[in-house]
PDB file of N, CA and C in Angstrom:
ATOM      1  N   MET A   1      13.522  -0.629  -2.312  1.00  0.00           N
ATOM      2  CA  MET A   1      12.720  -0.257  -1.167  1.00  0.00           C
ATOM      3  C   MET A   1      11.228  -0.436  -1.453  1.00  0.00           C
ATOM      4  N   ILE A   2      10.808  -0.138  -2.662  1.00  0.00           N
ATOM      5  CA  ILE A   2       9.386  -0.231  -2.958  1.00  0.00           C
ATOM      6  C   ILE A   2       8.885  -1.667  -2.835  1.00  0.00           C
ATOM      7  N   SER A   3       9.740  -2.645  -3.126  1.00  0.00           N
ATOM      8  CA  SER A   3       9.307  -4.033  -2.977  1.00  0.00           C
ATOM      9  C   SER A   3       9.073  -4.372  -1.505  1.00  0.00           C
ATOM     10  N   ALA A   4       9.862  -3.804  -0.622  1.00  0.00           N
ATOM     11  CA  ALA A   4       9.647  -4.013   0.815  1.00  0.00           C
ATOM     12  C   ALA A   4       8.331  -3.380   1.246  1.00  0.00           C
ATOM     13  N   ASP A   5       8.033  -2.209   0.702  1.00  0.00           N
ATOM     14  CA  ASP A   5       6.754  -1.557   1.003  1.00  0.00           C
ATOM     15  C   ASP A   5       5.588  -2.390   0.493  1.00  0.00           C
ATOM     16  N   PHE A   6       5.750  -2.964  -0.700  1.00  0.00           N
ATOM     17  CA  PHE A   6       4.708  -3.814  -1.263  1.00  0.00           C
ATOM     18  C   PHE A   6       4.508  -5.058  -0.399  1.00  0.00           C
ATOM     19  N   ALA A   7       5.585  -5.657   0.045  1.00  0.00           N
ATOM     20  CA  ALA A   7       5.496  -6.844   0.906  1.00  0.00           C
ATOM     21  C   ALA A   7       4.781  -6.497   2.215  1.00  0.00           C
ATOM     22  N   TYR A   8       5.121  -5.359   2.795  1.00  0.00           N
ATOM     23  CA  TYR A   8       4.442  -4.946   4.023  1.00  0.00           C
ATOM     24  C   TYR A   8       2.957  -4.708   3.744  1.00  0.00           C
ATOM     25  N   TRP A   9       2.646  -4.020   2.649  1.00  0.00           N
ATOM     26  CA  TRP A   9       1.266  -3.719   2.292  1.00  0.00           C
ATOM     27  C   TRP A   9       0.462  -5.013   2.143  1.00  0.00           C
ATOM     28  N   LEU A  10       1.076  -6.025   1.537  1.00  0.00           N
ATOM     29  CA  LEU A  10       0.407  -7.318   1.404  1.00  0.00           C
ATOM     30  C   LEU A  10       0.142  -7.947   2.772  1.00  0.00           C
ATOM     31  N   SER A  11       1.055  -7.730   3.709  1.00  0.00           N
ATOM     32  CA  SER A  11       0.959  -8.406   5.006  1.00  0.00           C
ATOM     33  C   SER A  11      -0.134  -7.849   5.914  1.00  0.00           C
ATOM     34  N   ILE A  12      -0.656  -6.682   5.620  1.00  0.00           N
ATOM     35  CA  ILE A  12      -1.607  -6.050   6.539  1.00  0.00           C
ATOM     36  C   ILE A  12      -3.063  -6.316   6.203  1.00  0.00           C
ATOM     37  N   HIS A  13      -3.354  -7.167   5.234  1.00  0.00           N
ATOM     38  CA  HIS A  13      -4.721  -7.318   4.752  1.00  0.00           C
ATOM     39  C   HIS A  13      -5.522  -8.444   5.375  1.00  0.00           C
ATOM     40  N   GLY A  14      -5.041  -9.045   6.408  1.00  0.00           N
ATOM     41  CA  GLY A  14      -5.848 -10.010   7.146  1.00  0.00           C
ATOM     42  C   GLY A  14      -6.073 -11.316   6.415  1.00  0.00           C
ATOM     43  N   LYS A  15      -7.120 -11.997   6.856  1.00  0.00           N
ATOM     44  CA  LYS A  15      -7.422 -13.332   6.340  1.00  0.00           C
ATOM     45  C   LYS A  15      -8.408 -13.244   5.181  1.00  0.00           C
ATOM     46  N   PRO A  16      -8.262 -14.147   4.211  1.00  0.00           N
ATOM     47  CA  PRO A  16      -9.189 -14.153   3.077  1.00  0.00           C
ATOM     48  C   PRO A  16     -10.575 -14.629   3.494  1.00  0.00           C
ATOM     49  N   GLY A  17     -11.555 -14.212   2.723  1.00  0.00           N
ATOM     50  CA  GLY A  17     -12.934 -14.626   2.980  1.00  0.00           C
ATOM     51  C   GLY A  17     -13.342 -15.812   2.129  1.00  0.00           C
ATOM     52  N   ILE A  18     -12.455 -16.246   1.261  1.00  0.00           N
ATOM     53  CA  ILE A  18     -12.760 -17.405   0.422  1.00  0.00           C
ATOM     54  C   ILE A  18     -11.890 -18.579   0.840  1.00  0.00           C
ATOM     55  N   LEU A  19     -12.393 -19.764   0.559  1.00  0.00           N
ATOM     56  CA  LEU A  19     -11.643 -20.982   0.843  1.00  0.00           C
ATOM     57  C   LEU A  19     -10.713 -21.294  -0.327  1.00  0.00           C
ATOM     58  N   PRO A  20      -9.655 -22.056  -0.094  1.00  0.00           N
ATOM     59  CA  PRO A  20      -8.735 -22.396  -1.189  1.00  0.00           C
ATOM     60  C   PRO A  20      -9.424 -23.028  -2.404  1.00  0.00           C
ATOM     61  N   ASN A  21     -10.482 -23.803  -2.176  1.00  0.00           N
ATOM     62  CA  ASN A  21     -11.167 -24.440  -3.307  1.00  0.00           C
ATOM     63  C   ASN A  21     -12.143 -23.495  -4.014  1.00  0.00           C
ATOM     64  N   GLN A  22     -12.228 -22.238  -3.556  1.00  0.00           N
ATOM     65  CA  GLN A  22     -13.122 -21.255  -4.177  1.00  0.00           C
ATOM     66  C   GLN A  22     -12.377 -20.207  -5.011  1.00  0.00           C
ATOM     67  N   VAL A  23     -11.082 -20.358  -5.157  1.00  0.00           N
ATOM     68  CA  VAL A  23     -10.310 -19.314  -5.830  1.00  0.00           C
ATOM     69  C   VAL A  23     -10.713 -19.122  -7.286  1.00  0.00           C
ATOM     70  N   MET A  24     -11.163 -20.153  -7.949  1.00  0.00           N
ATOM     71  CA  MET A  24     -11.571 -20.014  -9.351  1.00  0.00           C
ATOM     72  C   MET A  24     -12.817 -19.133  -9.491  1.00  0.00           C
ATOM     73  N   SER A  25     -13.604 -19.016  -8.422  1.00  0.00           N
ATOM     74  CA  SER A  25     -14.817 -18.194  -8.492  1.00  0.00           C
ATOM     75  C   SER A  25     -14.496 -16.708  -8.544  1.00  0.00           C
ATOM     76  N   VAL A  26     -13.279 -16.332  -8.260  1.00  0.00           N
ATOM     77  CA  VAL A  26     -12.870 -14.931  -8.246  1.00  0.00           C
ATOM     78  C   VAL A  26     -12.393 -14.477  -9.629  1.00  0.00           C
ATOM     79  N   ALA A  27     -12.215 -15.405 -10.541  1.00  0.00           N
ATOM     80  CA  ALA A  27     -11.602 -15.110 -11.841  1.00  0.00           C
ATOM     81  C   ALA A  27     -12.266 -13.950 -12.574  1.00  0.00           C
ATOM     82  N   ASN A  28     -13.575 -13.862 -12.524  1.00  0.00           N
ATOM     83  CA  ASN A  28     -14.282 -12.820 -13.282  1.00  0.00           C
ATOM     84  C   ASN A  28     -14.579 -11.565 -12.468  1.00  0.00           C
ATOM     85  N   VAL A  29     -14.216 -11.561 -11.216  1.00  0.00           N
ATOM     86  CA  VAL A  29     -14.510 -10.393 -10.365  1.00  0.00           C
ATOM     87  C   VAL A  29     -13.272  -9.953  -9.589  1.00  0.00           C
ATOM     88  N   MET A  30     -12.123 -10.056 -10.206  1.00  0.00           N
ATOM     89  CA  MET A  30     -10.872  -9.694  -9.529  1.00  0.00           C
ATOM     90  C   MET A  30     -10.920  -8.262  -8.990  1.00  0.00           C
ATOM     91  N   ASN A  31     -11.526  -7.371  -9.742  1.00  0.00           N
ATOM     92  CA  ASN A  31     -11.546  -5.967  -9.325  1.00  0.00           C
ATOM     93  C   ASN A  31     -12.440  -5.731  -8.114  1.00  0.00           C
ATOM     94  N   ARG A  32     -13.269  -6.705  -7.762  1.00  0.00           N
ATOM     95  CA  ARG A  32     -14.139  -6.564  -6.592  1.00  0.00           C
ATOM     96  C   ARG A  32     -13.717  -7.428  -5.412  1.00  0.00           C
ATOM     97  N   ALA A  33     -12.719  -8.266  -5.620  1.00  0.00           N
ATOM     98  CA  ALA A  33     -12.239  -9.140  -4.541  1.00  0.00           C
ATOM     99  C   ALA A  33     -11.383  -8.332  -3.571  1.00  0.00           C
ATOM    100  N   SER A  34     -11.398  -8.745  -2.325  1.00  0.00           N
ATOM    101  CA  SER A  34     -10.562  -8.066  -1.334  1.00  0.00           C
ATOM    102  C   SER A  34      -9.096  -8.409  -1.581  1.00  0.00           C
ATOM    103  N   GLU A  35      -8.225  -7.605  -1.017  1.00  0.00           N
ATOM    104  CA  GLU A  35      -6.798  -7.871  -1.161  1.00  0.00           C
ATOM    105  C   GLU A  35      -6.435  -9.235  -0.574  1.00  0.00           C
ATOM    106  N   ALA A  36      -7.021  -9.569   0.571  1.00  0.00           N
ATOM    107  CA  ALA A  36      -6.738 -10.867   1.202  1.00  0.00           C
ATOM    108  C   ALA A  36      -7.180 -12.016   0.300  1.00  0.00           C
ATOM    109  N   ASP A  37      -8.318 -11.866  -0.361  1.00  0.00           N
ATOM    110  CA  ASP A  37      -8.783 -12.905  -1.278  1.00  0.00           C
ATOM    111  C   ASP A  37      -7.858 -13.024  -2.484  1.00  0.00           C
ATOM    112  N   LEU A  38      -7.364 -11.902  -2.968  1.00  0.00           N
ATOM    113  CA  LEU A  38      -6.432 -11.944  -4.099  1.00  0.00           C
ATOM    114  C   LEU A  38      -5.122 -12.621  -3.722  1.00  0.00           C
ATOM    115  N   ILE A  39      -4.679 -12.414  -2.503  1.00  0.00           N
ATOM    116  CA  ILE A  39      -3.468 -13.099  -2.039  1.00  0.00           C
ATOM    117  C   ILE A  39      -3.718 -14.607  -1.989  1.00  0.00           C
ATOM    118  N   SER A  40      -4.902 -14.998  -1.558  1.00  0.00           N
ATOM    119  CA  SER A  40      -5.264 -16.420  -1.545  1.00  0.00           C
ATOM    120  C   SER A  40      -5.294 -16.979  -2.965  1.00  0.00           C
ATOM    121  N   VAL A  41      -5.804 -16.194  -3.899  1.00  0.00           N
ATOM    122  CA  VAL A  41      -5.827 -16.615  -5.304  1.00  0.00           C
ATOM    123  C   VAL A  41      -4.400 -16.801  -5.818  1.00  0.00           C
ATOM    124  N   MET A  42      -3.507 -15.898  -5.442  1.00  0.00           N
ATOM    125  CA  MET A  42      -2.109 -16.034  -5.860  1.00  0.00           C
ATOM    126  C   MET A  42      -1.511 -17.345  -5.360  1.00  0.00           C
ATOM    127  N   PHE A  43      -1.832 -17.708  -4.140  1.00  0.00           N
ATOM    128  CA  PHE A  43      -1.236 -18.884  -3.526  1.00  0.00           C
ATOM    129  C   PHE A  43      -1.874 -20.181  -4.016  1.00  0.00           C
ATOM    130  N   HIS A  44      -3.211 -20.179  -4.117  1.00  0.00           N
ATOM    131  CA  HIS A  44      -3.925 -21.427  -4.413  1.00  0.00           C
ATOM    132  C   HIS A  44      -4.369 -21.561  -5.868  1.00  0.00           C
ATOM    133  N   GLY A  45      -4.351 -20.477  -6.628  1.00  0.00           N
ATOM    134  CA  GLY A  45      -4.846 -20.537  -8.003  1.00  0.00           C
ATOM    135  C   GLY A  45      -3.820 -21.080  -8.976  1.00  0.00           C
ATOM    136  N   ASN A  46      -4.292 -21.332 -10.188  1.00  0.00           N
ATOM    137  CA  ASN A  46      -3.356 -21.768 -11.224  1.00  0.00           C
ATOM    138  C   ASN A  46      -2.476 -20.579 -11.615  1.00  0.00           C
ATOM    139  N   ASP A  47      -1.470 -20.832 -12.417  1.00  0.00           N
ATOM    140  CA  ASP A  47      -0.489 -19.798 -12.748  1.00  0.00           C
ATOM    141  C   ASP A  47      -1.129 -18.581 -13.402  1.00  0.00           C
ATOM    142  N   GLU A  48      -2.024 -18.798 -14.352  1.00  0.00           N
ATOM    143  CA  GLU A  48      -2.661 -17.685 -15.062  1.00  0.00           C
ATOM    144  C   GLU A  48      -3.479 -16.820 -14.102  1.00  0.00           C
ATOM    145  N   LEU A  49      -4.231 -17.450 -13.246  1.00  0.00           N
ATOM    146  CA  LEU A  49      -5.047 -16.716 -12.281  1.00  0.00           C
ATOM    147  C   LEU A  49      -4.175 -16.018 -11.239  1.00  0.00           C
ATOM    148  N   ALA A  50      -3.101 -16.663 -10.829  1.00  0.00           N
ATOM    149  CA  ALA A  50      -2.184 -16.063  -9.857  1.00  0.00           C
ATOM    150  C   ALA A  50      -1.546 -14.794 -10.422  1.00  0.00           C
ATOM    151  N   ILE A  51      -1.173 -14.810 -11.691  1.00  0.00           N
ATOM    152  CA  ILE A  51      -0.592 -13.626 -12.330  1.00  0.00           C
ATOM    153  C   ILE A  51      -1.613 -12.498 -12.382  1.00  0.00           C
ATOM    154  N   LYS A  52      -2.856 -12.822 -12.729  1.00  0.00           N
ATOM    155  CA  LYS A  52      -3.906 -11.800 -12.777  1.00  0.00           C
ATOM    156  C   LYS A  52      -4.124 -11.187 -11.390  1.00  0.00           C
ATOM    157  N   ALA A  53      -4.104 -12.025 -10.360  1.00  0.00           N
ATOM    158  CA  ALA A  53      -4.274 -11.520  -8.994  1.00  0.00           C
ATOM    159  C   ALA A  53      -3.108 -10.625  -8.603  1.00  0.00           C
ATOM    160  N   LEU A  54      -1.894 -11.029  -8.963  1.00  0.00           N
ATOM    161  CA  LEU A  54      -0.716 -10.218  -8.659  1.00  0.00           C
ATOM    162  C   LEU A  54      -0.784  -8.862  -9.369  1.00  0.00           C
ATOM    163  N   ILE A  55      -1.198  -8.867 -10.606  1.00  0.00           N
ATOM    164  CA  ILE A  55      -1.315  -7.609 -11.355  1.00  0.00           C
ATOM    165  C   ILE A  55      -2.347  -6.697 -10.707  1.00  0.00           C
ATOM    166  N   GLU A  56      -3.482  -7.261 -10.297  1.00  0.00           N
ATOM    167  CA  GLU A  56      -4.516  -6.468  -9.627  1.00  0.00           C
ATOM    168  C   GLU A  56      -3.988  -5.894  -8.312  1.00  0.00           C
ATOM    169  N   LEU A  57      -3.290  -6.706  -7.543  1.00  0.00           N
ATOM    170  CA  LEU A  57      -2.709  -6.234  -6.285  1.00  0.00           C
ATOM    171  C   LEU A  57      -1.682  -5.132  -6.528  1.00  0.00           C
ATOM    172  N   LYS A  58      -0.863  -5.308  -7.542  1.00  0.00           N
ATOM    173  CA  LYS A  58       0.148  -4.303  -7.864  1.00  0.00           C
ATOM    174  C   LYS A  58      -0.509  -2.973  -8.228  1.00  0.00           C
ATOM    175  N   HIS A  59      -1.576  -3.024  -9.036  1.00  0.00           N
ATOM    176  CA  HIS A  59      -2.285  -1.798  -9.407  1.00  0.00           C
ATOM    177  C   HIS A  59      -2.898  -1.118  -8.185  1.00  0.00           C
ATOM    178  N   ARG A  60      -3.477  -1.903  -7.305  1.00  0.00           N
ATOM    179  CA  ARG A  60      -4.074  -1.324  -6.090  1.00  0.00           C
ATOM    180  C   ARG A  60      -3.005  -0.676  -5.212  1.00  0.00           C
ATOM    181  N   PHE A  61      -1.871  -1.354  -5.068  1.00  0.00           N
ATOM    182  CA  PHE A  61      -0.773  -0.800  -4.276  1.00  0.00           C
ATOM    183  C   PHE A  61      -0.286   0.510  -4.888  1.00  0.00           C
ATOM    184  N   GLU A  62      -0.082   0.514  -6.195  1.00  0.00           N
ATOM    185  CA  GLU A  62       0.379   1.726  -6.867  1.00  0.00           C
ATOM    186  C   GLU A  62      -0.632   2.861  -6.734  1.00  0.00           C
ATOM    187  N   ASP A  63      -1.924   2.544  -6.834  1.00  0.00           N
ATOM    188  CA  ASP A  63      -2.961   3.566  -6.660  1.00  0.00           C
ATOM    189  C   ASP A  63      -2.910   4.165  -5.262  1.00  0.00           C
ATOM    190  N   GLU A  64      -2.776   3.296  -4.266  1.00  0.00           N
ATOM    191  CA  GLU A  64      -2.708   3.778  -2.890  1.00  0.00           C
ATOM    192  C   GLU A  64      -1.440   4.598  -2.657  1.00  0.00           C
ATOM    193  N   LEU A  65      -0.340   4.142  -3.205  1.00  0.00           N
ATOM    194  CA  LEU A  65       0.922   4.865  -3.075  1.00  0.00           C
ATOM    195  C   LEU A  65       0.824   6.242  -3.730  1.00  0.00           C
ATOM    196  N   ASN A  66       0.231   6.305  -4.911  1.00  0.00           N
ATOM    197  CA  ASN A  66       0.058   7.588  -5.595  1.00  0.00           C
ATOM    198  C   ASN A  66      -0.855   8.521  -4.802  1.00  0.00           C
ATOM    199  N   SER A  67      -1.903   7.982  -4.225  1.00  0.00           N
ATOM    200  CA  SER A  67      -2.807   8.798  -3.406  1.00  0.00           C
ATOM    201  C   SER A  67      -2.085   9.363  -2.193  1.00  0.00           C
ATOM    202  N   LEU A  68      -1.267   8.537  -1.559  1.00  0.00           N
ATOM    203  CA  LEU A  68      -0.510   9.013  -0.401  1.00  0.00           C
ATOM    204  C   LEU A  68       0.507  10.080  -0.798  1.00  0.00           C
ATOM    205  N   GLU A  69       1.133   9.907  -1.954  1.00  0.00           N
ATOM    206  CA  GLU A  69       2.095  10.904  -2.420  1.00  0.00           C
ATOM    207  C   GLU A  69       1.398  12.227  -2.724  1.00  0.00           C
ATOM    208  N   GLU A  70       0.213  12.162  -3.339  1.00  0.00           N
ATOM    209  CA  GLU A  70      -0.548  13.384  -3.613  1.00  0.00           C
ATOM    210  C   GLU A  70      -0.948  14.071  -2.313  1.00  0.00           C
ATOM    211  N   LEU A  71      -1.402  13.288  -1.354  1.00  0.00           N
ATOM    212  CA  LEU A  71      -1.781  13.845  -0.061  1.00  0.00           C
ATOM    213  C   LEU A  71      -0.590  14.517   0.595  1.00  0.00           C
ATOM    214  N   ASN A  72       0.561  13.881   0.531  1.00  0.00           N
ATOM    215  CA  ASN A  72       1.778  14.449   1.105  1.00  0.00           C
ATOM    216  C   ASN A  72       2.150  15.758   0.415  1.00  0.00           C
ATOM    217  N   GLN A  73       1.992  15.810  -0.895  1.00  0.00           N
ATOM    218  CA  GLN A  73       2.288  17.040  -1.628  1.00  0.00           C
ATOM    219  C   GLN A  73       1.369  18.174  -1.184  1.00  0.00           C
ATOM    220  N   TYR A  74       0.082  17.886  -1.027  1.00  0.00           N
ATOM    221  CA  TYR A  74      -0.867  18.906  -0.582  1.00  0.00           C
ATOM    222  C   TYR A  74      -0.545  19.378   0.833  1.00  0.00           C
ATOM    223  N   GLN A  75      -0.200  18.438   1.700  1.00  0.00           N
ATOM    224  CA  GLN A  75       0.137  18.812   3.071  1.00  0.00           C
ATOM    225  C   GLN A  75       1.405  19.650   3.109  1.00  0.00           C
ATOM    226  N   THR A  76       2.389  19.285   2.309  1.00  0.00           N
ATOM    227  CA  THR A  76       3.630  20.062   2.249  1.00  0.00           C
ATOM    228  C   THR A  76       3.349  21.462   1.724  1.00  0.00           C
ATOM    229  N   ARG A  77       2.537  21.550   0.695  1.00  0.00           N
ATOM    230  CA  ARG A  77       2.185  22.847   0.116  1.00  0.00           C
ATOM    231  C   ARG A  77       1.436  23.705   1.142  1.00  0.00           C
ATOM    232  N   ASP A  78       0.519  23.091   1.883  1.00  0.00           N
ATOM    233  CA  ASP A  78      -0.226  23.828   2.911  1.00  0.00           C
ATOM    234  C   ASP A  78       0.702  24.333   4.011  1.00  0.00           C
ATOM    235  N   ARG A  79       1.639  23.481   4.435  1.00  0.00           N
ATOM    236  CA  ARG A  79       2.595  23.900   5.468  1.00  0.00           C
ATOM    237  C   ARG A  79       3.466  25.048   4.985  1.00  0.00           C
ATOM    238  N   GLU A  80       3.904  24.967   3.745  1.00  0.00           N
ATOM    239  CA  GLU A  80       4.725  26.046   3.197  1.00  0.00           C
ATOM    240  C   GLU A  80       3.944  27.358   3.143  1.00  0.00           C
ATOM    241  N   MET A  81       2.676  27.268   2.765  1.00  0.00           N
ATOM    242  CA  MET A  81       1.841  28.474   2.717  1.00  0.00           C
ATOM    243  C   MET A  81       1.614  29.031   4.116  1.00  0.00           C
ATOM    244  N   GLU A  82       1.400  28.164   5.095  1.00  0.00           N
ATOM    245  CA  GLU A  82       1.219  28.609   6.472  1.00  0.00           C
ATOM    246  C   GLU A  82       2.481  29.289   6.990  1.00  0.00           C
ATOM    247  N   MET A  83       3.634  28.719   6.674  1.00  0.00           N
ATOM    248  CA  MET A  83       4.893  29.319   7.125  1.00  0.00           C
ATOM    249  C   MET A  83       5.104  30.675   6.450  1.00  0.00           C
ATOM    250  N   GLN A  84       4.747  30.752   5.183  1.00  0.00           N
ATOM    251  CA  GLN A  84       4.886  32.019   4.470  1.00  0.00           C
ATOM    252  C   GLN A  84       3.939  33.068   5.051  1.00  0.00           C
ATOM    253  N   ASN A  85       2.722  32.666   5.340  1.00  0.00           N
ATOM    254  CA  ASN A  85       1.751  33.591   5.929  1.00  0.00           C
ATOM    255  C   ASN A  85       2.176  34.000   7.328  1.00  0.00           C
ATOM    256  N   ALA A  86       2.748  33.087   8.084  1.00  0.00           N
ATOM    257  CA  ALA A  86       3.210  33.412   9.436  1.00  0.00           C
ATOM    258  C   ALA A  86       4.354  34.395   9.371  1.00  0.00           C
ATOM    259  N   SER A  87       5.237  34.253   8.393  1.00  0.00           N
ATOM    260  CA  SER A  87       6.354  35.181   8.300  1.00  0.00           C
ATOM    261  C   SER A  87       5.883  36.574   7.841  1.00  0.00           C
ATOM    262  N   ASP A  88       4.758  36.626   7.170  1.00  0.00           N
ATOM    263  CA  ASP A  88       4.193  37.913   6.764  1.00  0.00           C
ATOM    264  C   ASP A  88       3.761  38.734   7.971  1.00  0.00           C
ATOM    265  N   TRP A  89       3.387  38.048   9.060  1.00  0.00           N
ATOM    266  CA  TRP A  89       2.928  38.735  10.256  1.00  0.00           C
ATOM    267  C   TRP A  89       4.085  39.229  11.105  1.00  0.00           C
ATOM    268  N   ASN A  90       5.267  38.703  10.865  1.00  0.00           N
ATOM    269  CA  ASN A  90       6.441  39.110  11.678  1.00  0.00           C
ATOM    270  C   ASN A  90       7.077  40.360  11.170  1.00  0.00           C
TER     271      ASN A  90
END
């Protein structure tokens, strides 16, 4: 299932801001390139650069997924506390 989520996450990043012949210029600034540009690097870059772009994208996806999971945990905890406090009033 997580691979399907990753595929969807990749699909929502719009169009790249770099041209196919500019992918080598991203090699030293992968951490600052947009997700769409990294996808372009994966497609148009050489194998070594494509792997680096994929790794960067994977890390970004995992970071976002972890942030969402943490947010969900906090929201669940808040709801549980609200329900507990509401039952205290009954």
